[in-house]
N, C-alpha and C. Protein backbone atom coordinates (compact mmCIF):
# COMPACT_ATOMS: atom_id res chain seq x y z
N UNK A 1 14.25 -12.43 33.17
CA UNK A 1 15.69 -12.17 33.17
C UNK A 1 15.82 -11.75 31.80
N UNK A 2 15.15 -12.43 31.06
CA UNK A 2 15.72 -11.98 29.80
C UNK A 2 15.06 -10.31 29.24
N UNK A 3 14.13 -10.03 30.15
CA UNK A 3 12.90 -9.09 30.22
C UNK A 3 13.93 -7.67 30.33
N UNK A 4 14.88 -8.01 31.75
CA UNK A 4 15.58 -6.67 32.42
C UNK A 4 16.62 -6.99 31.71
N UNK A 5 17.03 -7.85 30.56
CA UNK A 5 18.50 -7.66 29.78
C UNK A 5 18.45 -6.58 28.91
N UNK A 6 17.19 -7.26 27.93
CA UNK A 6 16.26 -6.04 27.45
C UNK A 6 16.12 -4.67 27.36
N UNK A 7 15.40 -4.36 28.48
CA UNK A 7 15.40 -3.43 29.03
C UNK A 7 16.85 -2.36 29.31
N UNK A 8 17.86 -3.07 29.87
CA UNK A 8 19.00 -2.72 29.90
C UNK A 8 19.76 -2.38 28.69
N UNK A 9 19.81 -2.99 28.12
CA UNK A 9 20.24 -2.71 26.26
C UNK A 9 19.85 -1.59 25.95
N UNK A 10 18.62 -1.18 25.67
CA UNK A 10 17.47 -0.50 25.59
C UNK A 10 17.83 0.83 26.09
N UNK A 11 17.80 0.55 27.37
CA UNK A 11 18.19 2.18 28.51
C UNK A 11 19.90 2.57 27.78
N UNK A 12 20.87 1.68 27.77
CA UNK A 12 22.01 1.89 27.04
C UNK A 12 21.84 2.73 26.05
N UNK A 13 21.38 2.08 25.07
CA UNK A 13 21.26 2.05 23.59
C UNK A 13 20.95 3.70 23.74
N UNK A 14 19.77 4.32 24.72
CA UNK A 14 18.45 5.70 24.47
C UNK A 14 19.71 6.93 25.10
N UNK A 15 20.71 6.01 26.07
CA UNK A 15 21.58 7.17 27.12
C UNK A 15 22.93 7.78 25.84
N UNK A 16 23.50 6.55 25.28
CA UNK A 16 24.35 6.72 24.06
C UNK A 16 24.13 7.70 23.34
N UNK A 17 22.87 7.35 22.81
CA UNK A 17 22.07 8.00 21.74
C UNK A 17 22.23 9.63 21.90
N UNK A 18 21.49 9.93 23.25
CA UNK A 18 21.45 11.09 23.98
C UNK A 18 22.46 11.58 23.82
N UNK A 19 23.72 11.23 24.65
CA UNK A 19 24.97 11.48 24.81
C UNK A 19 25.55 12.04 23.44
N UNK A 20 25.18 11.24 22.29
CA UNK A 20 26.14 11.81 20.96
C UNK A 20 25.32 12.97 20.34
N UNK A 21 23.96 12.69 20.66
CA UNK A 21 23.46 13.90 20.08
C UNK A 21 23.61 15.21 21.28
N UNK A 22 24.14 14.99 22.42
CA UNK A 22 24.40 16.61 23.11
C UNK A 22 25.74 16.75 22.43
N UNK A 23 26.47 15.78 22.19
CA UNK A 23 28.13 16.41 21.97
C UNK A 23 27.84 16.64 20.89
N UNK A 24 27.17 16.57 19.47
CA UNK A 24 26.99 17.02 18.24
C UNK A 24 26.51 18.27 18.14
N UNK A 25 25.67 18.48 18.96
CA UNK A 25 24.52 19.72 19.19
C UNK A 25 25.77 20.89 19.62
N UNK A 26 26.87 20.60 20.40
CA UNK A 26 27.89 21.51 20.72
C UNK A 26 28.87 21.64 20.09
N UNK A 27 28.77 22.48 19.05
CA UNK A 27 30.01 22.80 18.15
C UNK A 27 31.25 23.42 19.02
N UNK A 28 32.22 22.60 18.58
CA UNK A 28 33.57 23.42 19.37
C UNK A 28 33.80 24.99 19.29
N UNK A 29 34.30 25.24 19.79
CA UNK A 29 34.85 27.02 19.75
C UNK A 29 36.07 26.87 18.59
N UNK A 30 36.09 27.78 17.71
CA UNK A 30 36.99 28.03 16.67
C UNK A 30 38.40 28.75 17.44
N UNK A 31 39.47 27.79 16.63
CA UNK A 31 40.91 28.39 17.30
C UNK A 31 40.82 29.86 17.03
N UNK A 32 41.39 30.23 18.07
CA UNK A 32 41.89 31.51 18.35
C UNK A 32 40.53 32.54 19.25
N UNK A 33 39.72 32.12 19.21
CA UNK A 33 38.77 32.98 20.05
C UNK A 33 38.54 32.30 21.17
N UNK A 34 37.84 33.34 22.12
CA UNK A 34 37.83 33.52 23.87
C UNK A 34 36.58 32.39 24.16
N UNK A 35 36.71 31.43 24.82
CA UNK A 35 36.10 30.45 25.08
C UNK A 35 34.99 30.71 26.14
N UNK A 36 33.55 30.46 25.84
CA UNK A 36 32.44 30.78 26.92
C UNK A 36 31.51 29.54 26.48
N UNK A 37 31.38 29.04 27.48
CA UNK A 37 30.36 27.91 27.68
C UNK A 37 28.91 28.37 27.04
N UNK A 38 27.68 27.86 26.90
CA UNK A 38 26.23 28.35 26.79
C UNK A 38 26.14 28.47 27.96
N UNK A 39 25.92 27.90 28.75
CA UNK A 39 25.20 28.07 30.29
C UNK A 39 26.22 29.19 30.84
N UNK A 40 27.45 29.73 30.62
CA UNK A 40 28.51 30.76 31.47
C UNK A 40 27.68 31.81 30.55
N UNK A 41 27.13 31.96 29.36
CA UNK A 41 26.94 32.83 28.39
C UNK A 41 25.53 33.46 28.88
N UNK A 42 24.28 32.56 29.23
CA UNK A 42 23.47 32.56 29.37
C UNK A 42 23.52 33.03 30.76
N UNK A 43 24.02 32.62 31.76
CA UNK A 43 23.99 33.07 33.16
C UNK A 43 24.74 34.51 33.24
N UNK A 44 25.71 35.19 32.32
CA UNK A 44 26.35 36.10 32.33
C UNK A 44 25.08 37.31 31.65
N UNK A 45 24.06 36.79 30.46
CA UNK A 45 23.26 37.62 29.99
C UNK A 45 21.96 37.96 31.21
N UNK A 46 21.84 37.10 31.69
CA UNK A 46 20.64 37.18 32.69
C UNK A 46 21.22 38.20 34.27
N UNK A 47 22.64 38.28 34.53
CA UNK A 47 23.01 39.30 35.12
C UNK A 47 22.92 40.44 34.76
N UNK A 48 22.94 40.68 33.85
CA UNK A 48 23.04 41.92 32.78
C UNK A 48 21.54 42.60 32.78
N UNK A 49 20.85 41.79 32.99
CA UNK A 49 19.18 41.98 32.75
C UNK A 49 18.26 42.29 33.54
N UNK A 50 17.59 43.10 33.26
CA UNK A 50 16.17 43.27 34.14
C UNK A 50 15.15 43.42 33.57
N UNK A 51 13.99 42.96 34.45
CA UNK A 51 12.62 43.26 33.67
C UNK A 51 11.66 43.86 34.72
N UNK A 52 10.74 44.36 34.15
CA UNK A 52 9.42 44.90 34.87
C UNK A 52 8.24 44.86 33.93
N UNK A 53 7.26 44.60 34.80
CA UNK A 53 5.67 44.25 34.15
C UNK A 53 5.26 45.15 34.90
N UNK A 54 4.12 46.22 34.15
CA UNK A 54 3.46 46.98 34.65
C UNK A 54 1.68 46.42 34.49
N UNK A 55 1.19 46.80 35.37
CA UNK A 55 -0.55 45.96 35.27
C UNK A 55 -1.29 47.42 35.64
N UNK A 56 -2.75 47.37 35.20
CA UNK A 56 -3.81 48.00 35.46
C UNK A 56 -4.87 47.21 35.62
N UNK A 57 -4.87 46.75 36.98
CA UNK A 57 -5.81 45.91 37.40
C UNK A 57 -5.18 44.30 37.55
N UNK A 58 -5.98 43.68 36.59
CA UNK A 58 -5.24 42.45 35.94
C UNK A 58 -4.90 42.47 34.67
N UNK A 59 -4.96 43.62 34.18
CA UNK A 59 -4.70 43.72 32.67
C UNK A 59 -2.97 43.86 32.75
N UNK A 60 -2.11 43.10 31.76
CA UNK A 60 -0.65 43.76 31.44
C UNK A 60 -0.88 44.29 30.47
N UNK A 61 -0.36 45.79 30.98
CA UNK A 61 0.02 46.97 30.20
C UNK A 61 1.14 46.94 29.29
N UNK A 62 2.13 46.65 29.69
CA UNK A 62 3.30 46.12 29.06
C UNK A 62 4.51 45.38 29.92
N UNK A 63 5.38 44.84 29.44
CA UNK A 63 6.46 44.28 30.07
C UNK A 63 7.88 44.87 29.15
N UNK A 64 8.64 45.08 30.09
CA UNK A 64 9.75 45.69 29.62
C UNK A 64 10.80 44.59 29.99
N UNK A 65 11.80 44.07 29.20
CA UNK A 65 13.23 43.39 29.67
C UNK A 65 14.31 43.64 29.02
N UNK A 66 15.43 44.25 29.94
CA UNK A 66 16.51 45.27 29.39
C UNK A 66 17.89 44.36 29.57
N UNK A 67 18.29 44.38 28.62
CA UNK A 67 20.21 43.83 28.51
C UNK A 67 20.68 44.61 28.57
N UNK A 68 21.78 45.05 29.28
CA UNK A 68 22.98 45.92 29.11
C UNK A 68 24.26 45.13 28.46
N UNK A 69 24.91 46.22 27.16
CA UNK A 69 25.37 45.25 26.20
C UNK A 69 26.56 46.40 26.62
N UNK A 70 27.17 45.89 27.81
CA UNK A 70 28.15 46.42 28.50
C UNK A 70 29.58 45.63 27.64
N UNK A 71 31.18 45.86 28.06
CA UNK A 71 32.00 45.68 27.40
C UNK A 71 32.23 44.33 27.72
N UNK A 72 31.68 43.52 28.98
CA UNK A 72 31.66 42.05 29.42
C UNK A 72 30.80 41.15 28.11
N UNK A 73 29.65 41.83 28.60
CA UNK A 73 28.57 40.88 27.74
C UNK A 73 28.96 41.07 26.28
N UNK A 74 29.23 42.15 26.16
CA UNK A 74 29.71 42.22 24.15
C UNK A 74 30.73 41.15 23.87
N UNK A 75 31.86 41.65 24.66
CA UNK A 75 32.71 40.44 24.44
C UNK A 75 32.40 38.93 24.49
N UNK A 76 31.38 38.48 25.56
CA UNK A 76 30.73 37.18 25.63
C UNK A 76 30.22 37.00 24.42
N UNK A 77 29.11 37.80 23.88
CA UNK A 77 28.28 37.51 22.51
C UNK A 77 28.89 37.33 21.55
N UNK A 78 30.26 37.63 21.17
CA UNK A 78 30.83 37.71 19.93
C UNK A 78 31.39 36.27 20.34
N UNK A 79 32.07 36.07 21.51
CA UNK A 79 32.42 34.61 21.67
C UNK A 79 31.34 33.43 21.22
N UNK A 80 30.28 33.83 21.86
CA UNK A 80 29.03 33.00 21.60
C UNK A 80 28.55 32.44 20.04
N UNK A 81 28.59 33.96 20.02
CA UNK A 81 28.20 34.00 18.19
C UNK A 81 29.15 33.20 17.46
N UNK A 82 30.61 33.25 17.52
CA UNK A 82 31.67 32.95 17.13
C UNK A 82 31.26 31.20 16.86
N UNK A 83 31.23 30.95 18.08
CA UNK A 83 30.76 29.57 18.15
C UNK A 83 29.40 28.91 17.48
N UNK A 84 28.17 29.37 17.72
CA UNK A 84 27.17 29.64 16.84
C UNK A 84 27.27 29.49 15.16
N UNK A 85 28.14 30.22 14.86
CA UNK A 85 28.18 30.80 13.22
C UNK A 85 29.54 29.93 12.81
N UNK A 86 30.34 29.49 13.74
CA UNK A 86 31.67 29.02 13.13
C UNK A 86 32.42 29.78 12.77
N UNK A 87 32.43 31.05 13.30
CA UNK A 87 33.54 32.10 12.59
C UNK A 87 35.17 31.51 12.43
N UNK A 88 35.75 31.71 11.50
CA UNK A 88 37.13 31.41 11.85
C UNK A 88 37.76 33.02 12.49
N UNK A 89 38.92 33.06 12.87
CA UNK A 89 39.36 34.10 13.52
C UNK A 89 39.41 35.49 12.95
N UNK A 90 39.57 35.54 11.91
CA UNK A 90 39.81 36.85 11.15
C UNK A 90 38.19 37.03 11.22
N UNK A 91 37.10 36.78 11.00
CA UNK A 91 35.72 37.26 10.72
C UNK A 91 35.38 37.57 12.26
N UNK A 92 36.19 36.98 13.37
CA UNK A 92 35.52 37.39 14.89
C UNK A 92 36.39 38.80 14.86
N UNK A 93 37.72 38.88 14.82
CA UNK A 93 38.23 40.20 14.75
C UNK A 93 37.53 41.10 14.15
N UNK A 94 37.13 41.15 12.87
CA UNK A 94 36.13 42.10 12.23
C UNK A 94 34.87 42.46 13.04
N UNK A 95 34.37 41.61 13.45
CA UNK A 95 33.08 42.08 14.09
C UNK A 95 33.29 42.32 15.35
N UNK A 96 34.31 42.08 16.41
CA UNK A 96 34.70 42.86 17.81
C UNK A 96 35.47 44.39 17.05
N UNK A 97 35.70 44.46 16.29
CA UNK A 97 36.16 45.54 16.03
C UNK A 97 35.10 46.89 15.69
N UNK A 98 34.16 46.13 14.93
CA UNK A 98 32.51 46.97 14.93
C UNK A 98 31.89 47.13 16.38
N UNK A 99 31.99 46.35 17.36
CA UNK A 99 31.55 46.34 18.34
C UNK A 99 32.37 47.52 19.44
N UNK A 100 33.67 47.27 19.29
CA UNK A 100 34.57 47.98 20.39
C UNK A 100 34.40 49.54 19.36
N UNK A 101 34.29 49.82 18.28
CA UNK A 101 34.37 50.75 17.42
C UNK A 101 33.10 51.92 18.00
N UNK A 102 31.57 50.75 17.81
CA UNK A 102 30.69 51.39 18.30
C UNK A 102 30.55 52.10 20.06
N UNK A 103 30.89 51.33 20.64
CA UNK A 103 31.43 51.32 22.00
C UNK A 103 31.94 52.83 22.50
N UNK A 104 32.87 53.01 21.73
CA UNK A 104 33.80 54.69 21.84
C UNK A 104 32.84 55.93 22.07
N UNK A 105 31.64 56.01 21.44
CA UNK A 105 30.59 56.83 21.57
C UNK A 105 29.09 56.62 21.89
N UNK A 106 29.14 55.26 21.95
CA UNK A 106 27.72 54.76 22.56
C UNK A 106 27.84 53.82 23.68
N UNK A 107 26.49 53.67 24.21
CA UNK A 107 26.25 52.76 24.85
C UNK A 107 24.54 52.10 24.61
N UNK A 108 24.71 50.67 24.47
CA UNK A 108 23.97 50.04 23.68
C UNK A 108 22.91 48.85 24.83
N UNK A 109 21.73 48.84 24.79
CA UNK A 109 20.61 47.87 25.36
C UNK A 109 19.82 47.40 24.49
N UNK A 110 19.78 45.82 24.99
CA UNK A 110 18.68 45.27 24.09
C UNK A 110 17.71 45.24 24.71
N UNK A 111 16.41 45.42 24.40
CA UNK A 111 15.15 45.50 25.06
C UNK A 111 14.16 44.86 24.22
N UNK A 112 13.53 43.64 24.89
CA UNK A 112 12.19 43.20 24.37
C UNK A 112 11.07 43.87 25.16
N UNK A 113 9.96 44.32 24.44
CA UNK A 113 9.06 44.52 24.74
C UNK A 113 7.68 44.43 24.17
N UNK A 114 6.90 44.13 25.12
CA UNK A 114 5.31 43.95 24.66
C UNK A 114 4.27 44.98 25.52
N UNK A 115 3.71 44.74 24.46
CA UNK A 115 2.17 45.87 24.94
C UNK A 115 1.13 45.10 24.39
N UNK A 116 0.07 45.18 24.94
CA UNK A 116 -1.13 44.31 23.78
C UNK A 116 -1.75 45.66 23.12
N UNK A 117 -1.22 46.57 23.05
CA UNK A 117 -1.90 47.49 22.18
C UNK A 117 -1.09 47.52 20.63
N UNK A 118 -0.96 46.65 19.80
CA UNK A 118 0.05 46.29 18.61
C UNK A 118 0.58 47.48 18.22
N UNK A 119 -0.26 48.60 17.80
CA UNK A 119 0.37 49.57 17.32
C UNK A 119 0.95 50.67 17.96
N UNK A 120 1.06 50.79 19.62
CA UNK A 120 2.03 51.38 20.43
C UNK A 120 3.32 50.37 20.68
N UNK A 121 3.51 49.16 20.18
CA UNK A 121 4.29 48.32 20.41
C UNK A 121 5.94 48.55 19.75
N UNK A 122 5.71 49.55 18.78
CA UNK A 122 7.09 49.75 17.98
C UNK A 122 7.85 51.00 18.77
N UNK A 123 8.63 50.92 19.31
CA UNK A 123 9.82 52.06 20.02
C UNK A 123 10.34 52.80 18.99
N UNK A 124 10.34 52.11 17.90
CA UNK A 124 11.24 52.52 16.96
C UNK A 124 10.29 53.62 16.19
N UNK A 125 9.00 53.79 16.41
CA UNK A 125 8.48 54.70 15.82
C UNK A 125 7.98 55.94 16.64
N UNK A 126 8.71 57.30 15.96
CA UNK A 126 8.80 58.14 16.80
C UNK A 126 7.01 59.32 17.10
N UNK A 127 6.39 58.59 15.97
CA UNK A 127 5.03 59.17 16.31
C UNK A 127 4.33 58.33 17.47
N UNK A 128 4.47 57.05 18.02
CA UNK A 128 4.11 56.50 19.47
C UNK A 128 4.45 57.43 20.54
N UNK A 129 5.28 58.34 20.30
CA UNK A 129 5.80 59.34 21.44
C UNK A 129 6.40 58.40 22.64
N UNK A 130 7.38 57.59 22.11
CA UNK A 130 7.79 56.96 23.59
C UNK A 130 9.27 57.79 23.70
N UNK A 131 9.51 57.59 24.83
CA UNK A 131 10.72 58.02 25.17
C UNK A 131 11.35 57.25 25.83
N UNK A 132 12.79 57.16 25.49
CA UNK A 132 13.98 56.11 26.53
C UNK A 132 14.43 56.70 26.90
N UNK A 133 14.87 56.63 28.33
CA UNK A 133 16.21 57.42 28.76
C UNK A 133 17.03 56.56 29.83
N UNK A 134 18.23 57.30 29.95
CA UNK A 134 18.93 56.30 30.51
C UNK A 134 19.72 57.40 31.88
N UNK A 135 20.07 57.04 33.04
CA UNK A 135 20.29 58.08 34.15
C UNK A 135 21.30 57.34 34.84
N UNK A 136 22.35 58.13 34.60
CA UNK A 136 23.91 57.68 35.60
C UNK A 136 24.96 58.51 35.29
N UNK A 137 25.23 58.60 36.39
CA UNK A 137 26.46 59.84 37.05
C UNK A 137 25.72 60.85 36.84
N UNK A 138 24.54 61.12 37.16
CA UNK A 138 24.08 62.16 37.82
C UNK A 138 23.66 63.08 36.23
N UNK A 139 23.53 61.92 35.09
CA UNK A 139 23.23 62.51 33.55
C UNK A 139 22.33 62.04 33.23
N UNK A 140 21.39 62.54 32.43
CA UNK A 140 20.45 61.98 31.43
C UNK A 140 20.47 62.02 30.09
N UNK A 141 20.38 60.36 29.32
CA UNK A 141 20.66 60.42 27.96
C UNK A 141 19.80 59.94 27.05
N UNK A 142 19.13 60.29 25.99
CA UNK A 142 17.88 59.92 25.93
C UNK A 142 18.44 58.73 24.24
N UNK A 143 17.88 57.81 24.31
CA UNK A 143 17.77 56.82 23.41
C UNK A 143 17.00 56.98 22.32
N UNK A 144 17.76 56.18 21.45
CA UNK A 144 17.10 55.82 20.02
C UNK A 144 16.73 54.21 19.90
N UNK A 145 15.48 53.73 19.42
CA UNK A 145 15.32 52.53 19.35
C UNK A 145 15.59 52.18 17.68
N UNK A 146 16.05 51.02 17.69
CA UNK A 146 16.18 50.34 16.26
C UNK A 146 15.58 48.78 16.34
N UNK A 147 14.83 48.51 15.45
CA UNK A 147 13.88 47.34 15.36
C UNK A 147 15.25 45.93 14.94
N UNK A 148 14.91 45.09 15.68
CA UNK A 148 15.88 43.92 15.24
C UNK A 148 15.20 43.03 14.31
N UNK A 149 15.35 42.92 12.95
CA UNK A 149 14.87 42.08 11.95
C UNK A 149 15.44 40.99 11.88
N UNK A 150 15.43 39.78 12.32
CA UNK A 150 16.00 38.63 12.49
C UNK A 150 15.06 37.59 13.10
N UNK A 151 15.29 36.38 12.53
CA UNK A 151 14.26 35.35 13.31
C UNK A 151 14.40 35.20 14.57
N UNK A 152 12.98 34.53 15.25
CA UNK A 152 13.12 34.61 16.71
C UNK A 152 13.98 33.70 16.78
N UNK A 153 14.17 32.64 16.62
CA UNK A 153 15.63 31.51 16.93
C UNK A 153 16.46 32.31 16.79
N UNK A 154 17.06 33.20 16.15
CA UNK A 154 18.78 34.01 15.97
C UNK A 154 18.46 34.83 17.11
N UNK A 155 17.53 35.62 17.40
CA UNK A 155 17.25 36.41 18.32
C UNK A 155 17.49 35.66 19.75
N UNK A 156 16.49 34.79 19.98
CA UNK A 156 16.47 34.14 21.52
C UNK A 156 18.31 33.22 21.48
N UNK A 157 19.11 32.90 20.68
CA UNK A 157 19.95 32.41 20.73
C UNK A 157 21.30 33.72 21.48
N UNK A 158 21.12 34.79 21.21
CA UNK A 158 21.70 35.77 22.01
C UNK A 158 21.31 36.47 23.22
N UNK A 159 19.72 36.42 23.28
CA UNK A 159 18.94 37.01 24.09
C UNK A 159 17.73 35.93 24.49
N UNK A 160 18.05 34.82 25.20
CA UNK A 160 17.11 34.20 25.57
C UNK A 160 15.78 34.29 26.49
N UNK A 161 16.48 35.67 26.89
CA UNK A 161 14.79 35.90 27.70
C UNK A 161 13.77 36.50 26.68
N UNK A 162 14.28 36.75 25.54
CA UNK A 162 13.03 37.15 24.64
C UNK A 162 11.96 36.16 24.20
N UNK A 163 10.79 36.78 23.87
CA UNK A 163 9.90 35.60 23.33
C UNK A 163 8.90 36.11 22.45
N UNK A 164 8.27 35.20 21.96
CA UNK A 164 7.37 35.35 20.71
C UNK A 164 6.32 36.34 20.88
N UNK A 165 6.18 37.12 21.94
CA UNK A 165 4.93 38.03 22.33
C UNK A 165 5.56 39.33 22.18
N UNK A 166 6.74 39.51 22.24
CA UNK A 166 7.58 40.93 22.40
C UNK A 166 8.25 41.14 21.28
N UNK A 167 8.51 42.12 20.99
CA UNK A 167 9.15 43.04 20.25
C UNK A 167 10.66 43.40 20.69
N UNK A 168 11.50 42.84 19.48
CA UNK A 168 13.01 43.29 19.85
C UNK A 168 13.75 44.38 19.52
N UNK A 169 14.70 45.37 19.93
CA UNK A 169 14.89 46.25 19.57
C UNK A 169 16.44 46.64 20.18
N UNK A 170 17.22 46.76 19.64
CA UNK A 170 18.64 47.56 20.27
C UNK A 170 18.53 49.56 20.40
N UNK A 171 18.71 49.60 21.87
CA UNK A 171 18.07 51.38 21.96
C UNK A 171 19.75 51.81 22.48
N UNK A 172 20.16 52.40 21.94
CA UNK A 172 21.37 53.24 21.96
C UNK A 172 21.63 54.98 22.51
N UNK A 173 22.55 54.87 23.14
CA UNK A 173 22.19 56.13 24.05
C UNK A 173 23.81 56.73 23.77
N UNK A 174 23.81 58.35 23.52
CA UNK A 174 24.91 58.77 23.00
C UNK A 174 26.12 59.16 24.17
N UNK A 175 26.48 58.40 24.93
CA UNK A 175 27.47 57.83 25.38
C UNK A 175 28.60 56.83 25.32
N UNK A 176 29.81 57.16 25.72
CA UNK A 176 30.82 55.71 25.60
C UNK A 176 30.48 54.83 26.46
N UNK A 177 30.35 53.61 25.97
CA UNK A 177 30.37 52.57 26.98
C UNK A 177 31.37 52.63 28.43
N UNK A 178 32.43 52.80 27.89
CA UNK A 178 33.63 52.98 29.15
C UNK A 178 33.13 54.33 30.39
N UNK A 179 32.37 55.26 29.70
CA UNK A 179 32.29 56.22 31.20
C UNK A 179 30.86 55.71 31.63
N UNK A 180 30.15 54.82 31.38
CA UNK A 180 29.08 54.64 32.12
C UNK A 180 28.88 53.31 32.81
N UNK A 181 29.39 51.98 32.38
CA UNK A 181 29.27 51.02 32.32
C UNK A 181 29.82 50.43 33.91
N UNK A 182 29.11 49.51 34.62
CA UNK A 182 29.85 49.29 36.01
C UNK A 182 28.97 50.08 36.62
N UNK A 183 28.29 50.88 36.53
CA UNK A 183 27.84 51.91 37.39
C UNK A 183 26.36 51.91 37.75
N UNK A 184 25.77 52.26 38.98
CA UNK A 184 24.26 52.53 39.05
C UNK A 184 23.72 53.55 37.96
N UNK A 185 22.54 52.60 37.25
CA UNK A 185 21.91 53.26 36.49
C UNK A 185 20.41 53.10 36.75
N UNK A 186 19.81 54.10 35.71
CA UNK A 186 18.20 53.69 35.72
C UNK A 186 17.63 53.73 34.20
N UNK A 187 17.35 52.87 33.47
CA UNK A 187 16.41 52.77 32.31
C UNK A 187 15.06 53.36 32.62
N UNK A 188 14.69 54.42 31.64
CA UNK A 188 13.00 54.81 32.01
C UNK A 188 12.79 54.65 30.35
N UNK A 189 11.34 54.10 30.39
CA UNK A 189 10.74 53.97 29.24
C UNK A 189 9.37 54.43 29.55
N UNK A 190 9.00 55.43 28.54
CA UNK A 190 8.16 56.22 29.19
C UNK A 190 6.65 56.33 27.96
N UNK A 191 5.69 56.90 27.88
CA UNK A 191 4.59 56.50 26.88
C UNK A 191 3.54 57.13 27.20
N UNK A 192 2.28 57.14 26.30
CA UNK A 192 0.92 57.24 26.45
C UNK A 192 0.28 56.34 26.80
N UNK A 193 0.89 54.93 26.84
CA UNK A 193 0.56 53.53 27.23
C UNK A 193 0.88 53.35 29.02
N UNK A 194 2.14 53.76 29.55
CA UNK A 194 2.59 53.92 30.55
C UNK A 194 4.03 53.93 30.89
N UNK A 195 4.70 53.86 31.67
CA UNK A 195 6.09 54.25 32.00
C UNK A 195 6.63 53.13 32.98
N UNK A 196 7.85 52.69 32.71
CA UNK A 196 8.54 51.89 33.42
C UNK A 196 10.07 52.05 33.95
N UNK A 197 10.42 51.70 34.88
CA UNK A 197 11.70 51.96 35.21
C UNK A 197 12.77 50.87 35.58
N UNK A 198 14.16 50.51 35.21
CA UNK A 198 14.11 49.10 35.24
C UNK A 198 15.84 49.97 35.85
N UNK A 199 16.10 49.16 37.06
CA UNK A 199 17.00 49.87 37.90
C UNK A 199 18.47 48.68 37.94
N UNK A 200 19.69 49.34 37.20
CA UNK A 200 20.68 48.17 37.48
C UNK A 200 21.51 48.74 38.23
N UNK A 201 21.96 47.65 39.37
CA UNK A 201 23.16 48.36 40.17
C UNK A 201 24.34 47.75 39.70
């Protein structure tokens, strides 16, 4: 009986510690900033993402994961980032202004890219002859890739689908976000290594 009581006390202590750690690890949303839970943010990010793997026989030639940073996801990302960094409202408004301003004439995607040929993995290097296109509304736009220079943990906190074997990029297209978001689109990545298309419905 004594052993059972000891076990129950130990289990209670472990559960209490787990609950306290869980509560402590989730910081509150700063005042004046729209609320979004980490789970809701991850779900939304997954809804806006597509992934394609290209094989030659059993060999993986490349893997492309793309997330459309439309208005809805951009707003959610700002709220999510505000919680992580504990921004005050003025900082949130400043970052939101930057995003809204960029999206007046640009459309952005986060692209996580892997190929075993390391020298060919840099989409931002024009010498690799990679081309990235966005086809939407009967129009084709050519994108420009910029490599993200942040720690893996920082990138994964915003883009959970990214992994340590892939390279992270923001790909920008010269068209206003409002003109193309919520419309069927095809993102094409093509080069000497191979080609991949991601279909957004």
